[in-house]
Amino acid sequence: MADRIPVKAIYSGTYGSSDVTSLGELSSGETINGSYITDNSVTLAKMAHGTDGELITYDATGAPANVAVGTSGQVLTSGGAGVAPTFQTAAGGGKVLQVVYANPSKSSQVVSAGVPSELTTDLRIAITPQSSTSKLYFDFAAPFISENTNALTYAYFYNVTATAVVNEPPASGSRRRGHWSMRTTAVDNNDNNMLNMSTVDSSSSTSARTYTIYHGSATASYDVQFYVSTLSTGDGSVTQPLFKITEVEV
């Protein structure tokens, strides 16, 4: 059996690995040449203890380094070339916080004409935003019937609590401002059309508020029928509007 040899001799390459059968403890400052360590032979038990949750990386000089422990829910984030990764809070953009809607069913007709006003209180939506920095996405869809007229019709989202139009477009002369407008085409007294509109606004706070739908037409004599048509035969219709608000974290 070969004698024990100084670790320094292994470091300098004086002895081959076949000559070594056992080693004494390393003295301060002594190391083992990596070429004498068999691949895949260092077990977890042989590694120095660290801190639970830390990861091993390399610093700008190529030396091993620790990635500090993050907090619950954080994700490992690259800092780019030459920068060690770190644990960071994940970006919250695009997360849906809540969806509220109104989809009322009525067996009676609602008529809208003239200066825009609240279409019906059945479409009111109460919402309390969960974040003061989120976005509120508004969507409204409703079939309607016009009365053989080529008149213009308008609609917009309205904040009942703040008594203001939601995300109102900028003024431009005497033009009407809103989120939807349409000139219907006259065929007969039961012309079917579709109202589709949407907009987005900042929540600004977590205060409760109520929204609704405003609708009107260019002339007071131009009636627009919602829910139930005047025509009562099989060619008539009964429909339901849908008003939806989606809060999204940004």
C-alpha atoms as a PDB file:
ATOM      1  CA  MET A   1       0.000   0.000   0.000  1.00  0.00           C
ATOM      2  CA  ALA A   2       1.341   3.415  -0.900  1.00  0.00           C
ATOM      3  CA  ASP A   3       2.210   5.828   1.889  1.00  0.00           C
ATOM      4  CA  ARG A   4       0.118   8.872   2.624  1.00  0.00           C
ATOM      5  CA  ILE A   5       1.410  11.880   0.748  1.00  0.00           C
ATOM      6  CA  PRO A   6       1.188  15.625   1.325  1.00  0.00           C
ATOM      7  CA  VAL A   7      -1.821  17.246  -0.283  1.00  0.00           C
ATOM      8  CA  LYS A   8       0.479  19.974  -1.613  1.00  0.00           C
ATOM      9  CA  ALA A   9       2.222  17.327  -3.688  1.00  0.00           C
ATOM     10  CA  ILE A  10      -1.077  16.403  -5.354  1.00  0.00           C
ATOM     11  CA  TYR A  11      -1.771  20.064  -6.026  1.00  0.00           C
ATOM     12  CA  SER A  12       1.643  20.383  -7.773  1.00  0.00           C
ATOM     13  CA  GLY A  13       1.054  17.231  -9.785  1.00  0.00           C
ATOM     14  CA  THR A  14       4.025  15.299  -8.362  1.00  0.00           C
ATOM     15  CA  TYR A  15       1.979  12.136  -7.848  1.00  0.00           C
ATOM     16  CA  GLY A  16      -0.527  10.515 -10.149  1.00  0.00           C
ATOM     17  CA  SER A  17      -3.998   9.607  -8.934  1.00  0.00           C
ATOM     18  CA  SER A  18      -3.105   5.892  -9.087  1.00  0.00           C
ATOM     19  CA  ASP A  19      -0.472   6.416  -6.405  1.00  0.00           C
ATOM     20  CA  VAL A  20      -2.928   7.847  -3.900  1.00  0.00           C
ATOM     21  CA  THR A  21      -4.860   5.546  -1.585  1.00  0.00           C
ATOM     22  CA  SER A  22      -5.761   7.864   1.260  1.00  0.00           C
ATOM     23  CA  LEU A  23      -5.348  11.478   2.345  1.00  0.00           C
ATOM     24  CA  GLY A  24      -4.936  13.138   5.666  1.00  0.00           C
ATOM     25  CA  GLU A  25      -6.906  16.212   6.620  1.00  0.00           C
ATOM     26  CA  LEU A  26      -6.179  19.374   4.673  1.00  0.00           C
ATOM     27  CA  SER A  27      -4.132  22.019   6.424  1.00  0.00           C
ATOM     28  CA  SER A  28      -5.103  25.656   6.195  1.00  0.00           C
ATOM     29  CA  GLY A  29      -4.464  26.980   2.691  1.00  0.00           C
ATOM     30  CA  GLU A  30      -4.147  23.533   1.097  1.00  0.00           C
ATOM     31  CA  THR A  31      -6.358  22.527  -1.828  1.00  0.00           C
ATOM     32  CA  ILE A  32      -6.869  19.558  -4.130  1.00  0.00           C
ATOM     33  CA  ASN A  33      -6.226  19.900  -7.839  1.00  0.00           C
ATOM     34  CA  GLY A  34      -9.591  19.483  -9.591  1.00  0.00           C
ATOM     35  CA  SER A  35      -8.147  17.044 -12.094  1.00  0.00           C
ATOM     36  CA  TYR A  36      -7.769  14.482  -9.283  1.00  0.00           C
ATOM     37  CA  ILE A  37     -11.479  14.564  -8.350  1.00  0.00           C
ATOM     38  CA  THR A  38     -13.587  12.020 -10.217  1.00  0.00           C
ATOM     39  CA  ASP A  39     -16.496  13.487 -12.169  1.00  0.00           C
ATOM     40  CA  ASN A  40     -19.862  13.258 -10.389  1.00  0.00           C
ATOM     41  CA  SER A  41     -18.212  12.173  -7.157  1.00  0.00           C
ATOM     42  CA  VAL A  42     -18.948  15.185  -4.915  1.00  0.00           C
ATOM     43  CA  THR A  43     -22.235  14.523  -3.114  1.00  0.00           C
ATOM     44  CA  LEU A  44     -24.563  17.063  -1.516  1.00  0.00           C
ATOM     45  CA  ALA A  45     -23.328  15.932   1.866  1.00  0.00           C
ATOM     46  CA  LYS A  46     -19.805  17.088   0.949  1.00  0.00           C
ATOM     47  CA  MET A  47     -20.913  20.620   0.045  1.00  0.00           C
ATOM     48  CA  ALA A  48     -20.636  23.464   2.531  1.00  0.00           C
ATOM     49  CA  HIS A  49     -23.885  24.349   4.261  1.00  0.00           C
ATOM     50  CA  GLY A  50     -25.744  27.420   3.028  1.00  0.00           C
ATOM     51  CA  THR A  51     -28.999  29.256   3.681  1.00  0.00           C
ATOM     52  CA  ASP A  52     -32.323  27.585   2.917  1.00  0.00           C
ATOM     53  CA  GLY A  53     -33.783  29.108  -0.258  1.00  0.00           C
ATOM     54  CA  GLU A  54     -30.506  30.449  -1.687  1.00  0.00           C
ATOM     55  CA  LEU A  55     -29.278  29.409  -5.132  1.00  0.00           C
ATOM     56  CA  ILE A  56     -25.735  29.095  -6.474  1.00  0.00           C
ATOM     57  CA  THR A  57     -24.668  31.315  -9.380  1.00  0.00           C
ATOM     58  CA  TYR A  58     -21.477  32.972 -10.622  1.00  0.00           C
ATOM     59  CA  ASP A  59     -20.457  36.595 -10.212  1.00  0.00           C
ATOM     60  CA  ALA A  60     -18.889  38.896 -12.808  1.00  0.00           C
ATOM     61  CA  THR A  61     -15.430  37.432 -12.117  1.00  0.00           C
ATOM     62  CA  GLY A  62     -16.674  33.875 -12.629  1.00  0.00           C
ATOM     63  CA  ALA A  63     -16.469  32.987  -8.946  1.00  0.00           C
ATOM     64  CA  PRO A  64     -19.305  31.048  -7.300  1.00  0.00           C
ATOM     65  CA  ALA A  65     -21.850  33.267  -5.544  1.00  0.00           C
ATOM     66  CA  ASN A  66     -25.176  32.959  -3.758  1.00  0.00           C
ATOM     67  CA  VAL A  67     -28.504  34.291  -4.994  1.00  0.00           C
ATOM     68  CA  ALA A  68     -30.140  35.784  -1.904  1.00  0.00           C
ATOM     69  CA  VAL A  69     -33.395  34.283  -0.672  1.00  0.00           C
ATOM     70  CA  GLY A  70     -36.511  36.001  -1.987  1.00  0.00           C
ATOM     71  CA  THR A  71     -39.936  36.257  -0.424  1.00  0.00           C
ATOM     72  CA  SER A  72     -42.933  33.997  -0.967  1.00  0.00           C
ATOM     73  CA  GLY A  73     -44.396  34.376  -4.460  1.00  0.00           C
ATOM     74  CA  GLN A  74     -41.357  36.073  -6.009  1.00  0.00           C
ATOM     75  CA  VAL A  75     -39.799  34.705  -9.197  1.00  0.00           C
ATOM     76  CA  LEU A  76     -36.156  34.319 -10.260  1.00  0.00           C
ATOM     77  CA  THR A  77     -35.370  37.195 -12.633  1.00  0.00           C
ATOM     78  CA  SER A  78     -32.401  37.577 -14.955  1.00  0.00           C
ATOM     79  CA  GLY A  79     -30.412  40.797 -14.684  1.00  0.00           C
ATOM     80  CA  GLY A  80     -28.787  40.258 -18.086  1.00  0.00           C
ATOM     81  CA  ALA A  81     -25.200  39.413 -18.984  1.00  0.00           C
ATOM     82  CA  GLY A  82     -22.696  40.045 -16.195  1.00  0.00           C
ATOM     83  CA  VAL A  83     -25.361  40.515 -13.542  1.00  0.00           C
ATOM     84  CA  ALA A  84     -26.392  37.842 -11.052  1.00  0.00           C
ATOM     85  CA  PRO A  85     -30.088  36.899 -11.083  1.00  0.00           C
ATOM     86  CA  THR A  86     -32.314  37.973  -8.211  1.00  0.00           C
ATOM     87  CA  PHE A  87     -35.720  37.105  -6.839  1.00  0.00           C
ATOM     88  CA  GLN A  88     -38.280  39.763  -7.817  1.00  0.00           C
ATOM     89  CA  THR A  89     -42.023  40.269  -7.433  1.00  0.00           C
ATOM     90  CA  ALA A  90     -43.755  39.069 -10.587  1.00  0.00           C
ATOM     91  CA  ALA A  91     -45.333  41.736 -12.752  1.00  0.00           C
ATOM     92  CA  GLY A  92     -49.088  41.843 -12.183  1.00  0.00           C
ATOM     93  CA  GLY A  93     -50.196  43.218 -15.554  1.00  0.00           C
ATOM     94  CA  GLY A  94     -53.080  41.428 -17.238  1.00  0.00           C
ATOM     95  CA  LYS A  95     -54.533  39.706 -14.181  1.00  0.00           C
ATOM     96  CA  VAL A  96     -58.328  39.850 -14.091  1.00  0.00           C
ATOM     97  CA  LEU A  97     -59.403  41.018 -10.643  1.00  0.00           C
ATOM     98  CA  GLN A  98     -63.172  40.800 -11.108  1.00  0.00           C
ATOM     99  CA  VAL A  99     -65.985  40.765 -13.645  1.00  0.00           C
ATOM    100  CA  VAL A 100     -69.412  42.256 -12.940  1.00  0.00           C
ATOM    101  CA  TYR A 101     -72.309  42.390 -15.366  1.00  0.00           C
ATOM    102  CA  ALA A 102     -75.980  43.120 -15.921  1.00  0.00           C
ATOM    103  CA  ASN A 103     -78.021  40.908 -18.239  1.00  0.00           C
ATOM    104  CA  PRO A 104     -81.635  41.827 -17.389  1.00  0.00           C
ATOM    105  CA  SER A 105     -84.609  39.986 -18.793  1.00  0.00           C
ATOM    106  CA  LYS A 106     -87.763  41.988 -19.482  1.00  0.00           C
ATOM    107  CA  SER A 107     -91.064  41.135 -21.121  1.00  0.00           C
ATOM    108  CA  SER A 108     -91.955  44.772 -21.724  1.00  0.00           C
ATOM    109  CA  GLN A 109     -90.561  47.254 -24.208  1.00  0.00           C
ATOM    110  CA  VAL A 110     -88.131  50.076 -23.357  1.00  0.00           C
ATOM    111  CA  VAL A 111     -88.192  53.033 -25.746  1.00  0.00           C
ATOM    112  CA  SER A 112     -85.423  55.593 -26.129  1.00  0.00           C
ATOM    113  CA  ALA A 113     -85.754  58.844 -28.092  1.00  0.00           C
ATOM    114  CA  GLY A 114     -84.334  62.367 -28.197  1.00  0.00           C
ATOM    115  CA  VAL A 115     -81.654  63.707 -25.839  1.00  0.00           C
ATOM    116  CA  PRO A 116     -79.513  60.862 -24.436  1.00  0.00           C
ATOM    117  CA  SER A 117     -80.669  59.675 -21.011  1.00  0.00           C
ATOM    118  CA  GLU A 118     -80.408  56.529 -18.909  1.00  0.00           C
ATOM    119  CA  LEU A 119     -81.733  53.659 -20.970  1.00  0.00           C
ATOM    120  CA  THR A 120     -83.051  51.735 -17.944  1.00  0.00           C
ATOM    121  CA  THR A 121     -82.018  51.351 -14.308  1.00  0.00           C
ATOM    122  CA  ASP A 122     -82.034  47.575 -14.871  1.00  0.00           C
ATOM    123  CA  LEU A 123     -78.642  48.030 -16.534  1.00  0.00           C
ATOM    124  CA  ARG A 124     -76.968  49.701 -13.558  1.00  0.00           C
ATOM    125  CA  ILE A 125     -73.792  48.012 -12.315  1.00  0.00           C
ATOM    126  CA  ALA A 126     -72.329  48.632  -8.861  1.00  0.00           C
ATOM    127  CA  ILE A 127     -68.621  47.892  -8.531  1.00  0.00           C
ATOM    128  CA  THR A 128     -65.918  48.452  -5.938  1.00  0.00           C
ATOM    129  CA  PRO A 129     -62.488  48.269  -7.621  1.00  0.00           C
ATOM    130  CA  GLN A 130     -59.964  46.034  -5.880  1.00  0.00           C
ATOM    131  CA  SER A 131     -57.047  48.239  -6.906  1.00  0.00           C
ATOM    132  CA  SER A 132     -56.587  51.981  -7.342  1.00  0.00           C
ATOM    133  CA  THR A 133     -54.217  51.428 -10.271  1.00  0.00           C
ATOM    134  CA  SER A 134     -56.272  48.934 -12.263  1.00  0.00           C
ATOM    135  CA  LYS A 135     -58.113  49.431 -15.537  1.00  0.00           C
ATOM    136  CA  LEU A 136     -61.869  49.011 -15.983  1.00  0.00           C
ATOM    137  CA  TYR A 137     -62.946  47.621 -19.357  1.00  0.00           C
ATOM    138  CA  PHE A 138     -66.539  48.420 -20.346  1.00  0.00           C
ATOM    139  CA  ASP A 139     -68.536  46.391 -22.877  1.00  0.00           C
ATOM    140  CA  PHE A 140     -72.167  46.730 -23.902  1.00  0.00           C
ATOM    141  CA  ALA A 141     -74.165  44.828 -26.512  1.00  0.00           C
ATOM    142  CA  ALA A 142     -77.869  45.184 -27.227  1.00  0.00           C
ATOM    143  CA  PRO A 143     -80.117  44.434 -30.195  1.00  0.00           C
ATOM    144  CA  PHE A 144     -82.626  47.211 -30.967  1.00  0.00           C
ATOM    145  CA  ILE A 145     -85.383  47.966 -33.442  1.00  0.00           C
ATOM    146  CA  SER A 146     -85.769  51.269 -35.277  1.00  0.00           C
ATOM    147  CA  GLU A 147     -88.933  52.698 -36.824  1.00  0.00           C
ATOM    148  CA  ASN A 148     -88.362  52.981 -40.560  1.00  0.00           C
ATOM    149  CA  THR A 149     -86.137  56.029 -40.083  1.00  0.00           C
ATOM    150  CA  ASN A 150     -82.685  57.110 -41.250  1.00  0.00           C
ATOM    151  CA  ALA A 151     -82.017  59.098 -38.057  1.00  0.00           C
ATOM    152  CA  LEU A 152     -78.846  59.040 -35.997  1.00  0.00           C
ATOM    153  CA  THR A 153     -78.714  57.317 -32.625  1.00  0.00           C
ATOM    154  CA  TYR A 154     -76.090  57.608 -29.864  1.00  0.00           C
ATOM    155  CA  ALA A 155     -74.949  55.828 -26.686  1.00  0.00           C
ATOM    156  CA  TYR A 156     -72.292  56.064 -23.981  1.00  0.00           C
ATOM    157  CA  PHE A 157     -71.246  54.691 -20.601  1.00  0.00           C
ATOM    158  CA  TYR A 158     -72.131  56.892 -17.650  1.00  0.00           C
ATOM    159  CA  ASN A 159     -70.798  57.062 -14.086  1.00  0.00           C
ATOM    160  CA  VAL A 160     -73.886  57.595 -11.925  1.00  0.00           C
ATOM    161  CA  THR A 161     -71.835  58.195  -8.786  1.00  0.00           C
ATOM    162  CA  ALA A 162     -69.612  60.847 -10.346  1.00  0.00           C
ATOM    163  CA  THR A 163     -72.380  62.174 -12.664  1.00  0.00           C
ATOM    164  CA  ALA A 164     -70.008  62.066 -15.614  1.00  0.00           C
ATOM    165  CA  VAL A 165     -69.492  60.271 -18.915  1.00  0.00           C
ATOM    166  CA  VAL A 166     -66.886  57.507 -18.613  1.00  0.00           C
ATOM    167  CA  ASN A 167     -63.674  58.313 -20.467  1.00  0.00           C
ATOM    168  CA  GLU A 168     -65.487  60.970 -22.497  1.00  0.00           C
ATOM    169  CA  PRO A 169     -63.926  61.759 -25.890  1.00  0.00           C
ATOM    170  CA  PRO A 170     -62.536  65.287 -26.334  1.00  0.00           C
ATOM    171  CA  ALA A 171     -64.810  68.114 -27.452  1.00  0.00           C
ATOM    172  CA  SER A 172     -64.785  69.101 -31.121  1.00  0.00           C
ATOM    173  CA  GLY A 173     -67.196  71.887 -31.981  1.00  0.00           C
ATOM    174  CA  SER A 174     -70.826  70.992 -31.415  1.00  0.00           C
ATOM    175  CA  ARG A 175     -70.378  67.318 -32.241  1.00  0.00           C
ATOM    176  CA  ARG A 176     -71.936  64.777 -29.900  1.00  0.00           C
ATOM    177  CA  ARG A 177     -69.443  62.901 -27.739  1.00  0.00           C
ATOM    178  CA  GLY A 178     -70.000  59.266 -26.876  1.00  0.00           C
ATOM    179  CA  HIS A 179     -68.853  55.685 -27.286  1.00  0.00           C
ATOM    180  CA  TRP A 180     -71.155  54.662 -30.129  1.00  0.00           C
ATOM    181  CA  SER A 181     -73.230  56.226 -32.903  1.00  0.00           C
ATOM    182  CA  MET A 182     -75.142  54.846 -35.883  1.00  0.00           C
ATOM    183  CA  ARG A 183     -77.468  55.978 -38.634  1.00  0.00           C
ATOM    184  CA  THR A 184     -80.086  53.328 -39.179  1.00  0.00           C
ATOM    185  CA  THR A 185     -81.384  52.428 -42.640  1.00  0.00           C
ATOM    186  CA  ALA A 186     -85.120  52.711 -43.175  1.00  0.00           C
ATOM    187  CA  VAL A 187     -86.853  49.603 -44.518  1.00  0.00           C
ATOM    188  CA  ASP A 188     -89.972  49.243 -42.376  1.00  0.00           C
ATOM    189  CA  ASN A 189     -91.157  49.842 -38.811  1.00  0.00           C
ATOM    190  CA  ASN A 190     -89.309  46.781 -37.528  1.00  0.00           C
ATOM    191  CA  ASP A 191     -85.747  47.336 -38.708  1.00  0.00           C
ATOM    192  CA  ASN A 192     -83.392  45.254 -36.546  1.00  0.00           C
ATOM    193  CA  ASN A 193     -79.984  46.668 -35.596  1.00  0.00           C
ATOM    194  CA  MET A 194     -77.189  46.012 -33.082  1.00  0.00           C
ATOM    195  CA  LEU A 195     -75.556  48.333 -30.541  1.00  0.00           C
ATOM    196  CA  ASN A 196     -71.989  47.303 -29.657  1.00  0.00           C
ATOM    197  CA  MET A 197     -69.712  49.671 -27.753  1.00  0.00           C
ATOM    198  CA  SER A 198     -66.709  49.542 -25.440  1.00  0.00           C
ATOM    199  CA  THR A 199     -64.214  51.760 -23.652  1.00  0.00           C
ATOM    200  CA  VAL A 200     -61.607  51.626 -20.888  1.00  0.00           C
ATOM    201  CA  ASP A 201     -60.976  53.850 -17.890  1.00  0.00           C
ATOM    202  CA  SER A 202     -58.658  53.931 -14.868  1.00  0.00           C
ATOM    203  CA  SER A 203     -60.160  52.842 -11.560  1.00  0.00           C
ATOM    204  CA  SER A 204     -58.332  55.753  -9.826  1.00  0.00           C
ATOM    205  CA  SER A 205     -59.463  54.553  -6.380  1.00  0.00           C
ATOM    206  CA  THR A 206     -61.097  51.656  -4.545  1.00  0.00           C
ATOM    207  CA  SER A 207     -64.264  53.645  -3.841  1.00  0.00           C
ATOM    208  CA  ALA A 208     -67.593  52.040  -4.713  1.00  0.00           C
ATOM    209  CA  ARG A 209     -69.368  53.459  -7.739  1.00  0.00           C
ATOM    210  CA  THR A 210     -72.287  52.717 -10.077  1.00  0.00           C
ATOM    211  CA  TYR A 211     -72.316  52.774 -13.872  1.00  0.00           C
ATOM    212  CA  THR A 212     -75.146  52.703 -16.385  1.00  0.00           C
ATOM    213  CA  ILE A 213     -75.961  53.119 -20.097  1.00  0.00           C
ATOM    214  CA  TYR A 214     -77.151  56.332 -21.726  1.00  0.00           C
ATOM    215  CA  HIS A 215     -78.884  56.300 -25.116  1.00  0.00           C
ATOM    216  CA  GLY A 216     -80.646  58.800 -27.329  1.00  0.00           C
ATOM    217  CA  SER A 217     -81.376  59.844 -30.905  1.00  0.00           C
ATOM    218  CA  ALA A 218     -80.974  62.931 -33.060  1.00  0.00           C
ATOM    219  CA  THR A 219     -84.708  63.681 -32.989  1.00  0.00           C
ATOM    220  CA  ALA A 220     -87.321  63.212 -30.293  1.00  0.00           C
ATOM    221  CA  SER A 221     -89.658  61.569 -32.784  1.00  0.00           C
ATOM    222  CA  TYR A 222     -87.233  58.751 -33.533  1.00  0.00           C
ATOM    223  CA  ASP A 223     -88.114  55.907 -31.161  1.00  0.00           C
ATOM    224  CA  VAL A 224     -85.672  53.066 -30.618  1.00  0.00           C
ATOM    225  CA  GLN A 225     -87.113  49.862 -29.161  1.00  0.00           C
ATOM    226  CA  PHE A 226     -85.178  47.650 -26.746  1.00  0.00           C
ATOM    227  CA  TYR A 227     -86.040  44.260 -25.187  1.00  0.00           C
ATOM    228  CA  VAL A 228     -89.379  43.700 -26.956  1.00  0.00           C
ATOM    229  CA  SER A 229     -90.407  44.703 -30.479  1.00  0.00           C
ATOM    230  CA  THR A 230     -93.691  46.406 -31.273  1.00  0.00           C
ATOM    231  CA  LEU A 231     -94.252  43.697 -33.850  1.00  0.00           C
ATOM    232  CA  SER A 232     -96.010  40.919 -31.940  1.00  0.00           C
ATOM    233  CA  THR A 233     -96.041  38.192 -34.605  1.00  0.00           C
ATOM    234  CA  GLY A 234     -93.456  35.505 -35.195  1.00  0.00           C
ATOM    235  CA  ASP A 235     -91.288  38.069 -36.985  1.00  0.00           C
ATOM    236  CA  GLY A 236     -91.029  40.152 -33.822  1.00  0.00           C
ATOM    237  CA  SER A 237     -88.325  39.660 -31.202  1.00  0.00           C
ATOM    238  CA  VAL A 238     -87.559  39.601 -27.483  1.00  0.00           C
ATOM    239  CA  THR A 239     -83.896  40.204 -26.622  1.00  0.00           C
ATOM    240  CA  GLN A 240     -81.583  40.803 -23.658  1.00  0.00           C
ATOM    241  CA  PRO A 241     -78.802  43.410 -23.501  1.00  0.00           C
ATOM    242  CA  LEU A 242     -75.494  42.633 -21.785  1.00  0.00           C
ATOM    243  CA  PHE A 243     -73.463  45.238 -19.885  1.00  0.00           C
ATOM    244  CA  LYS A 244     -70.128  44.008 -18.500  1.00  0.00           C
ATOM    245  CA  ILE A 245     -67.239  45.618 -16.605  1.00  0.00           C
ATOM    246  CA  THR A 246     -63.920  43.783 -16.243  1.00  0.00           C
ATOM    247  CA  GLU A 247     -61.299  45.023 -13.789  1.00  0.00           C
ATOM    248  CA  VAL A 248     -57.739  44.199 -14.861  1.00  0.00           C
ATOM    249  CA  GLU A 249     -54.556  44.739 -12.844  1.00  0.00           C
ATOM    250  CA  VAL A 250     -51.817  46.678 -14.652  1.00  0.00           C
END
